[in-house]
PDB file of N, CA and C in Angstrom:
ATOM      1  N   UNK A   1      53.333  28.151 -29.054  1.00  0.00           N
ATOM      2  CA  UNK A   1      52.835  26.819 -28.786  1.00  0.00           C
ATOM      3  C   UNK A   1      51.800  26.461 -29.842  1.00  0.00           C
ATOM      4  N   UNK A   2      51.951  25.291 -30.442  1.00  0.00           N
ATOM      5  CA  UNK A   2      51.021  24.836 -31.474  1.00  0.00           C
ATOM      6  C   UNK A   2      49.921  23.986 -30.842  1.00  0.00           C
ATOM      7  N   UNK A   3      48.690  24.230 -31.291  1.00  0.00           N
ATOM      8  CA  UNK A   3      47.529  23.467 -30.852  1.00  0.00           C
ATOM      9  C   UNK A   3      47.026  22.654 -32.043  1.00  0.00           C
ATOM     10  N   UNK A   4      46.881  21.360 -31.844  1.00  0.00           N
ATOM     11  CA  UNK A   4      46.303  20.481 -32.863  1.00  0.00           C
ATOM     12  C   UNK A   4      44.864  20.176 -32.475  1.00  0.00           C
ATOM     13  N   UNK A   5      43.952  20.438 -33.402  1.00  0.00           N
ATOM     14  CA  UNK A   5      42.542  20.104 -33.202  1.00  0.00           C
ATOM     15  C   UNK A   5      42.213  18.967 -34.158  1.00  0.00           C
ATOM     16  N   UNK A   6      41.653  17.898 -33.618  1.00  0.00           N
ATOM     17  CA  UNK A   6      41.302  16.724 -34.409  1.00  0.00           C
ATOM     18  C   UNK A   6      39.787  16.557 -34.397  1.00  0.00           C
ATOM     19  N   UNK A   7      39.207  16.459 -35.584  1.00  0.00           N
ATOM     20  CA  UNK A   7      37.792  16.146 -35.710  1.00  0.00           C
ATOM     21  C   UNK A   7      37.663  14.768 -36.326  1.00  0.00           C
ATOM     22  N   UNK A   8      36.953  13.894 -35.636  1.00  0.00           N
ATOM     23  CA  UNK A   8      36.645  12.560 -36.134  1.00  0.00           C
ATOM     24  C   UNK A   8      35.211  12.589 -36.636  1.00  0.00           C
ATOM     25  N   UNK A   9      35.010  12.067 -37.845  1.00  0.00           N
ATOM     26  CA  UNK A   9      33.679  12.148 -38.446  1.00  0.00           C
ATOM     27  C   UNK A   9      33.400  10.898 -39.278  1.00  0.00           C
ATOM     28  N   UNK A  10      32.135  10.559 -39.357  1.00  0.00           N
ATOM     29  CA  UNK A  10      31.662   9.519 -40.269  1.00  0.00           C
ATOM     30  C   UNK A  10      30.212   9.816 -40.593  1.00  0.00           C
ATOM     31  N   UNK A  11      29.937  10.043 -41.873  1.00  0.00           N
ATOM     32  CA  UNK A  11      28.576  10.312 -42.352  1.00  0.00           C
ATOM     33  C   UNK A  11      27.852  11.347 -41.503  1.00  0.00           C
ATOM     34  N   UNK A  12      28.409  12.536 -41.470  1.00  0.00           N
ATOM     35  CA  UNK A  12      27.806  13.605 -40.676  1.00  0.00           C
ATOM     36  C   UNK A  12      27.753  14.905 -41.478  1.00  0.00           C
ATOM     37  N   UNK A  13      27.220  14.828 -42.674  1.00  0.00           N
ATOM     38  CA  UNK A  13      27.169  16.000 -43.554  1.00  0.00           C
ATOM     39  C   UNK A  13      26.332  17.142 -42.985  1.00  0.00           C
ATOM     40  N   UNK A  14      25.428  16.834 -42.078  1.00  0.00           N
ATOM     41  CA  UNK A  14      24.548  17.869 -41.541  1.00  0.00           C
ATOM     42  C   UNK A  14      25.243  18.829 -40.575  1.00  0.00           C
ATOM     43  N   UNK A  15      26.332  18.397 -39.938  1.00  0.00           N
ATOM     44  CA  UNK A  15      26.981  19.274 -38.953  1.00  0.00           C
ATOM     45  C   UNK A  15      28.473  19.495 -39.185  1.00  0.00           C
ATOM     46  N   UNK A  16      29.093  18.807 -40.147  1.00  0.00           N
ATOM     47  CA  UNK A  16      30.541  18.950 -40.324  1.00  0.00           C
ATOM     48  C   UNK A  16      30.919  20.380 -40.718  1.00  0.00           C
ATOM     49  N   UNK A  17      30.108  21.047 -41.498  1.00  0.00           N
ATOM     50  CA  UNK A  17      30.418  22.425 -41.891  1.00  0.00           C
ATOM     51  C   UNK A  17      30.473  23.341 -40.671  1.00  0.00           C
ATOM     52  N   UNK A  18      29.507  23.217 -39.782  1.00  0.00           N
ATOM     53  CA  UNK A  18      29.499  24.033 -38.558  1.00  0.00           C
ATOM     54  C   UNK A  18      30.729  23.750 -37.704  1.00  0.00           C
ATOM     55  N   UNK A  19      31.121  22.483 -37.642  1.00  0.00           N
ATOM     56  CA  UNK A  19      32.296  22.104 -36.854  1.00  0.00           C
ATOM     57  C   UNK A  19      33.551  22.741 -37.433  1.00  0.00           C
ATOM     58  N   UNK A  20      33.737  22.606 -38.739  1.00  0.00           N
ATOM     59  CA  UNK A  20      34.911  23.183 -39.398  1.00  0.00           C
ATOM     60  C   UNK A  20      34.922  24.695 -39.243  1.00  0.00           C
ATOM     61  N   UNK A  21      33.797  25.327 -39.495  1.00  0.00           N
ATOM     62  CA  UNK A  21      33.716  26.789 -39.379  1.00  0.00           C
ATOM     63  C   UNK A  21      34.063  27.253 -37.974  1.00  0.00           C
ATOM     64  N   UNK A  22      33.669  26.491 -36.972  1.00  0.00           N
ATOM     65  CA  UNK A  22      33.975  26.836 -35.592  1.00  0.00           C
ATOM     66  C   UNK A  22      35.482  26.835 -35.346  1.00  0.00           C
ATOM     67  N   UNK A  23      36.166  25.825 -35.836  1.00  0.00           N
ATOM     68  CA  UNK A  23      37.619  25.762 -35.658  1.00  0.00           C
ATOM     69  C   UNK A  23      38.305  26.880 -36.438  1.00  0.00           C
ATOM     70  N   UNK A  24      37.889  27.098 -37.663  1.00  0.00           N
ATOM     71  CA  UNK A  24      38.533  28.114 -38.497  1.00  0.00           C
ATOM     72  C   UNK A  24      38.274  29.533 -38.008  1.00  0.00           C
ATOM     73  N   UNK A  25      37.251  29.724 -37.200  1.00  0.00           N
ATOM     74  CA  UNK A  25      36.924  31.049 -36.662  1.00  0.00           C
ATOM     75  C   UNK A  25      37.760  31.421 -35.442  1.00  0.00           C
ATOM     76  N   UNK A  26      38.544  30.499 -34.918  1.00  0.00           N
ATOM     77  CA  UNK A  26      39.359  30.784 -33.738  1.00  0.00           C
ATOM     78  C   UNK A  26      40.404  31.841 -34.054  1.00  0.00           C
ATOM     79  N   UNK A  27      40.710  32.666 -33.094  1.00  0.00           N
ATOM     80  CA  UNK A  27      41.662  33.757 -33.316  1.00  0.00           C
ATOM     81  C   UNK A  27      43.104  33.377 -32.994  1.00  0.00           C
ATOM     82  N   UNK A  28      43.293  32.287 -32.275  1.00  0.00           N
ATOM     83  CA  UNK A  28      44.645  31.821 -32.000  1.00  0.00           C
ATOM     84  C   UNK A  28      45.273  31.399 -33.321  1.00  0.00           C
ATOM     85  N   UNK A  29      46.478  31.883 -33.594  1.00  0.00           N
ATOM     86  CA  UNK A  29      47.054  31.709 -34.932  1.00  0.00           C
ATOM     87  C   UNK A  29      47.759  30.382 -35.174  1.00  0.00           C
ATOM     88  N   UNK A  30      48.232  29.712 -34.148  1.00  0.00           N
ATOM     89  CA  UNK A  30      49.043  28.517 -34.369  1.00  0.00           C
ATOM     90  C   UNK A  30      48.217  27.248 -34.121  1.00  0.00           C
ATOM     91  N   UNK A  31      47.203  27.060 -34.977  1.00  0.00           N
ATOM     92  CA  UNK A  31      46.320  25.903 -34.881  1.00  0.00           C
ATOM     93  C   UNK A  31      46.545  25.014 -36.102  1.00  0.00           C
ATOM     94  N   UNK A  32      46.712  23.740 -35.838  1.00  0.00           N
ATOM     95  CA  UNK A  32      46.774  22.714 -36.877  1.00  0.00           C
ATOM     96  C   UNK A  32      45.441  21.979 -36.814  1.00  0.00           C
ATOM     97  N   UNK A  33      44.773  21.848 -37.966  1.00  0.00           N
ATOM     98  CA  UNK A  33      43.461  21.208 -37.975  1.00  0.00           C
ATOM     99  C   UNK A  33      43.500  19.927 -38.792  1.00  0.00           C
ATOM    100  N   UNK A  34      43.134  18.823 -38.156  1.00  0.00           N
ATOM    101  CA  UNK A  34      43.127  17.511 -38.785  1.00  0.00           C
ATOM    102  C   UNK A  34      41.718  16.941 -38.744  1.00  0.00           C
ATOM    103  N   UNK A  35      41.285  16.381 -39.855  1.00  0.00           N
ATOM    104  CA  UNK A  35      39.984  15.724 -39.904  1.00  0.00           C
ATOM    105  C   UNK A  35      40.214  14.278 -40.323  1.00  0.00           C
ATOM    106  N   UNK A  36      39.694  13.372 -39.506  1.00  0.00           N
ATOM    107  CA  UNK A  36      39.818  11.945 -39.763  1.00  0.00           C
ATOM    108  C   UNK A  36      38.406  11.420 -40.021  1.00  0.00           C
ATOM    109  N   UNK A  37      38.188  10.971 -41.240  1.00  0.00           N
ATOM    110  CA  UNK A  37      36.873  10.529 -41.689  1.00  0.00           C
ATOM    111  C   UNK A  37      36.889   9.013 -41.887  1.00  0.00           C
ATOM    112  N   UNK A  38      35.838   8.359 -41.501  1.00  0.00           N
ATOM    113  CA  UNK A  38      35.742   6.907 -41.613  1.00  0.00           C
ATOM    114  C   UNK A  38      35.179   6.423 -42.935  1.00  0.00           C
ATOM    115  N   UNK A  39      35.561   7.072 -44.040  1.00  0.00           N
ATOM    116  CA  UNK A  39      35.087   6.717 -45.388  1.00  0.00           C
ATOM    117  C   UNK A  39      33.590   7.010 -45.547  1.00  0.00           C
ATOM    118  N   UNK A  40      33.216   8.224 -45.227  1.00  0.00           N
ATOM    119  CA  UNK A  40      31.816   8.641 -45.335  1.00  0.00           C
ATOM    120  C   UNK A  40      31.294   8.493 -46.759  1.00  0.00           C
ATOM    121  N   UNK A  41      30.000   8.224 -46.855  1.00  0.00           N
ATOM    122  CA  UNK A  41      29.355   8.065 -48.162  1.00  0.00           C
ATOM    123  C   UNK A  41      28.185   9.026 -48.352  1.00  0.00           C
ATOM    124  N   UNK A  42      28.011   9.967 -47.441  1.00  0.00           N
ATOM    125  CA  UNK A  42      26.821  10.825 -47.455  1.00  0.00           C
ATOM    126  C   UNK A  42      27.078  12.256 -47.933  1.00  0.00           C
ATOM    127  N   UNK A  43      28.271  12.557 -48.415  1.00  0.00           N
ATOM    128  CA  UNK A  43      28.586  13.921 -48.835  1.00  0.00           C
ATOM    129  C   UNK A  43      29.533  14.637 -47.893  1.00  0.00           C
ATOM    130  N   UNK A  44      29.855  14.025 -46.770  1.00  0.00           N
ATOM    131  CA  UNK A  44      30.779  14.627 -45.806  1.00  0.00           C
ATOM    132  C   UNK A  44      32.129  14.929 -46.456  1.00  0.00           C
ATOM    133  N   UNK A  45      32.663  13.991 -47.221  1.00  0.00           N
ATOM    134  CA  UNK A  45      33.986  14.147 -47.837  1.00  0.00           C
ATOM    135  C   UNK A  45      33.998  15.361 -48.768  1.00  0.00           C
ATOM    136  N   UNK A  46      32.970  15.534 -49.552  1.00  0.00           N
ATOM    137  CA  UNK A  46      32.881  16.672 -50.478  1.00  0.00           C
ATOM    138  C   UNK A  46      32.913  17.991 -49.711  1.00  0.00           C
ATOM    139  N   UNK A  47      32.203  18.056 -48.602  1.00  0.00           N
ATOM    140  CA  UNK A  47      32.181  19.276 -47.789  1.00  0.00           C
ATOM    141  C   UNK A  47      33.569  19.558 -47.233  1.00  0.00           C
ATOM    142  N   UNK A  48      34.217  18.545 -46.668  1.00  0.00           N
ATOM    143  CA  UNK A  48      35.557  18.747 -46.097  1.00  0.00           C
ATOM    144  C   UNK A  48      36.526  19.193 -47.183  1.00  0.00           C
ATOM    145  N   UNK A  49      36.508  18.542 -48.318  1.00  0.00           N
ATOM    146  CA  UNK A  49      37.439  18.893 -49.414  1.00  0.00           C
ATOM    147  C   UNK A  49      37.210  20.308 -49.931  1.00  0.00           C
ATOM    148  N   UNK A  50      36.004  20.828 -49.768  1.00  0.00           N
ATOM    149  CA  UNK A  50      35.725  22.182 -50.253  1.00  0.00           C
ATOM    150  C   UNK A  50      36.514  23.243 -49.489  1.00  0.00           C
ATOM    151  N   UNK A  51      37.059  22.892 -48.328  1.00  0.00           N
ATOM    152  CA  UNK A  51      37.854  23.830 -47.536  1.00  0.00           C
ATOM    153  C   UNK A  51      39.325  23.854 -47.958  1.00  0.00           C
ATOM    154  N   UNK A  52      39.716  22.927 -48.799  1.00  0.00           N
ATOM    155  CA  UNK A  52      41.074  22.916 -49.345  1.00  0.00           C
ATOM    156  C   UNK A  52      42.161  22.979 -48.289  1.00  0.00           C
ATOM    157  N   UNK A  53      43.108  23.877 -48.499  1.00  0.00           N
ATOM    158  CA  UNK A  53      44.296  23.990 -47.649  1.00  0.00           C
ATOM    159  C   UNK A  53      44.000  24.536 -46.254  1.00  0.00           C
ATOM    160  N   UNK A  54      42.776  24.942 -45.988  1.00  0.00           N
ATOM    161  CA  UNK A  54      42.438  25.406 -44.639  1.00  0.00           C
ATOM    162  C   UNK A  54      42.460  24.245 -43.640  1.00  0.00           C
ATOM    163  N   UNK A  55      42.339  23.023 -44.161  1.00  0.00           N
ATOM    164  CA  UNK A  55      42.445  21.819 -43.342  1.00  0.00           C
ATOM    165  C   UNK A  55      43.865  21.300 -43.534  1.00  0.00           C
ATOM    166  N   UNK A  56      44.618  21.200 -42.455  1.00  0.00           N
ATOM    167  CA  UNK A  56      46.023  20.800 -42.567  1.00  0.00           C
ATOM    168  C   UNK A  56      46.197  19.343 -42.971  1.00  0.00           C
ATOM    169  N   UNK A  57      45.329  18.487 -42.483  1.00  0.00           N
ATOM    170  CA  UNK A  57      45.434  17.056 -42.794  1.00  0.00           C
ATOM    171  C   UNK A  57      44.033  16.485 -42.864  1.00  0.00           C
ATOM    172  N   UNK A  58      43.752  15.765 -43.963  1.00  0.00           N
ATOM    173  CA  UNK A  58      42.459  15.112 -44.122  1.00  0.00           C
ATOM    174  C   UNK A  58      42.695  13.672 -44.543  1.00  0.00           C
ATOM    175  N   UNK A  59      42.177  12.756 -43.734  1.00  0.00           N
ATOM    176  CA  UNK A  59      42.284  11.329 -44.026  1.00  0.00           C
ATOM    177  C   UNK A  59      40.868  10.790 -44.121  1.00  0.00           C
ATOM    178  N   UNK A  60      40.576  10.086 -45.213  1.00  0.00           N
ATOM    179  CA  UNK A  60      39.269   9.461 -45.355  1.00  0.00           C
ATOM    180  C   UNK A  60      39.495   8.006 -45.750  1.00  0.00           C
ATOM    181  N   UNK A  61      39.279   7.124 -44.790  1.00  0.00           N
ATOM    182  CA  UNK A  61      39.456   5.689 -45.018  1.00  0.00           C
ATOM    183  C   UNK A  61      38.689   4.930 -43.951  1.00  0.00           C
ATOM    184  N   UNK A  62      38.365   3.697 -44.260  1.00  0.00           N
ATOM    185  CA  UNK A  62      37.673   2.858 -43.268  1.00  0.00           C
ATOM    186  C   UNK A  62      38.552   2.715 -42.037  1.00  0.00           C
ATOM    187  N   UNK A  63      37.902   2.680 -40.898  1.00  0.00           N
ATOM    188  CA  UNK A  63      38.642   2.489 -39.654  1.00  0.00           C
ATOM    189  C   UNK A  63      37.895   1.480 -38.789  1.00  0.00           C
ATOM    190  N   UNK A  64      38.405   1.263 -37.613  1.00  0.00           N
ATOM    191  CA  UNK A  64      37.799   0.285 -36.709  1.00  0.00           C
ATOM    192  C   UNK A  64      36.972   0.956 -35.614  1.00  0.00           C
ATOM    193  N   UNK A  65      36.469   2.145 -35.912  1.00  0.00           N
ATOM    194  CA  UNK A  65      35.612   2.828 -34.970  1.00  0.00           C
ATOM    195  C   UNK A  65      36.199   4.121 -34.451  1.00  0.00           C
ATOM    196  N   UNK A  66      35.464   4.743 -33.572  1.00  0.00           N
ATOM    197  CA  UNK A  66      35.779   6.065 -33.041  1.00  0.00           C
ATOM    198  C   UNK A  66      37.193   6.156 -32.479  1.00  0.00           C
ATOM    199  N   UNK A  67      37.561   5.221 -31.632  1.00  0.00           N
ATOM    200  CA  UNK A  67      38.861   5.322 -30.963  1.00  0.00           C
ATOM    201  C   UNK A  67      40.016   5.054 -31.917  1.00  0.00           C
ATOM    202  N   UNK A  68      39.809   4.203 -32.896  1.00  0.00           N
ATOM    203  CA  UNK A  68      40.824   3.990 -33.921  1.00  0.00           C
ATOM    204  C   UNK A  68      41.047   5.283 -34.694  1.00  0.00           C
ATOM    205  N   UNK A  69      39.964   5.949 -35.063  1.00  0.00           N
ATOM    206  CA  UNK A  69      40.070   7.213 -35.789  1.00  0.00           C
ATOM    207  C   UNK A  69      40.758   8.283 -34.934  1.00  0.00           C
ATOM    208  N   UNK A  70      40.408   8.355 -33.667  1.00  0.00           N
ATOM    209  CA  UNK A  70      41.061   9.322 -32.772  1.00  0.00           C
ATOM    210  C   UNK A  70      42.565   9.052 -32.691  1.00  0.00           C
ATOM    211  N   UNK A  71      42.940   7.796 -32.572  1.00  0.00           N
ATOM    212  CA  UNK A  71      44.348   7.446 -32.494  1.00  0.00           C
ATOM    213  C   UNK A  71      45.084   7.782 -33.784  1.00  0.00           C
ATOM    214  N   UNK A  72      44.431   7.631 -34.939  1.00  0.00           N
ATOM    215  CA  UNK A  72      45.041   8.043 -36.206  1.00  0.00           C
ATOM    216  C   UNK A  72      45.343   9.534 -36.174  1.00  0.00           C
ATOM    217  N   UNK A  73      44.396  10.309 -35.703  1.00  0.00           N
ATOM    218  CA  UNK A  73      44.585  11.754 -35.617  1.00  0.00           C
ATOM    219  C   UNK A  73      45.711  12.127 -34.679  1.00  0.00           C
ATOM    220  N   UNK A  74      45.765  11.491 -33.542  1.00  0.00           N
ATOM    221  CA  UNK A  74      46.827  11.774 -32.570  1.00  0.00           C
ATOM    222  C   UNK A  74      48.190  11.444 -33.161  1.00  0.00           C
ATOM    223  N   UNK A  75      48.280  10.346 -33.906  1.00  0.00           N
ATOM    224  CA  UNK A  75      49.549   9.958 -34.522  1.00  0.00           C
ATOM    225  C   UNK A  75      50.017  10.987 -35.553  1.00  0.00           C
ATOM    226  N   UNK A  76      49.086  11.663 -36.204  1.00  0.00           N
ATOM    227  CA  UNK A  76      49.435  12.656 -37.225  1.00  0.00           C
ATOM    228  C   UNK A  76      49.671  14.052 -36.649  1.00  0.00           C
ATOM    229  N   UNK A  77      49.143  14.315 -35.467  1.00  0.00           N
ATOM    230  CA  UNK A  77      49.221  15.647 -34.866  1.00  0.00           C
ATOM    231  C   UNK A  77      50.660  16.015 -34.512  1.00  0.00           C
ATOM    232  N   UNK A  78      50.974  17.292 -34.700  1.00  0.00           N
ATOM    233  CA  UNK A  78      52.318  17.784 -34.370  1.00  0.00           C
ATOM    234  C   UNK A  78      52.278  18.881 -33.314  1.00  0.00           C
ATOM    235  N   UNK A  79      51.126  19.124 -32.750  1.00  0.00           N
ATOM    236  CA  UNK A  79      50.982  20.202 -31.773  1.00  0.00           C
ATOM    237  C   UNK A  79      51.484  19.846 -30.388  1.00  0.00           C
ATOM    238  N   UNK A  80      51.735  20.887 -29.601  1.00  0.00           N
ATOM    239  CA  UNK A  80      52.107  20.733 -28.201  1.00  0.00           C
ATOM    240  C   UNK A  80      50.907  20.356 -27.352  1.00  0.00           C
ATOM    241  N   UNK A  81      49.735  20.794 -27.793  1.00  0.00           N
ATOM    242  CA  UNK A  81      48.457  20.506 -27.129  1.00  0.00           C
ATOM    243  C   UNK A  81      47.539  19.887 -28.178  1.00  0.00           C
ATOM    244  N   UNK A  82      46.825  18.832 -27.804  1.00  0.00           N
ATOM    245  CA  UNK A  82      45.903  18.177 -28.728  1.00  0.00           C
ATOM    246  C   UNK A  82      44.497  18.256 -28.165  1.00  0.00           C
ATOM    247  N   UNK A  83      43.551  18.713 -28.991  1.00  0.00           N
ATOM    248  CA  UNK A  83      42.158  18.765 -28.608  1.00  0.00           C
ATOM    249  C   UNK A  83      41.314  17.978 -29.584  1.00  0.00           C
ATOM    250  N   UNK A  84      40.255  17.374 -29.089  1.00  0.00           N
ATOM    251  CA  UNK A  84      39.312  16.621 -29.923  1.00  0.00           C
ATOM    252  C   UNK A  84      38.009  17.413 -30.012  1.00  0.00           C
ATOM    253  N   UNK A  85      37.537  17.597 -31.229  1.00  0.00           N
ATOM    254  CA  UNK A  85      36.250  18.247 -31.432  1.00  0.00           C
ATOM    255  C   UNK A  85      35.464  17.390 -32.413  1.00  0.00           C
ATOM    256  N   UNK A  86      34.574  16.581 -31.889  1.00  0.00           N
ATOM    257  CA  UNK A  86      33.797  15.700 -32.755  1.00  0.00           C
ATOM    258  C   UNK A  86      32.778  16.501 -33.552  1.00  0.00           C
ATOM    259  N   UNK A  87      32.356  15.912 -34.645  1.00  0.00           N
ATOM    260  CA  UNK A  87      31.455  16.619 -35.547  1.00  0.00           C
ATOM    261  C   UNK A  87      30.013  16.501 -35.101  1.00  0.00           C
TER     262      UNK A  87
END
């Protein structure tokens, strides 16, 4: 069973690393990790990109708020179970 974890973020460079590290530290092997960013300008994008292929899907573009970003993530997710972990 595949689990999709979606993190929605906007200008949260202070905690995004901890959030990503938490997901990547999980021992369950079939995890898809998606990060949906609202076009951050504070360094968040640079931090996320530093993880490279460890992040399955990364989208950084303006959105219409939290729920729009969550819905983008859900549309991209391919897991049997979807979880949200905000930054």
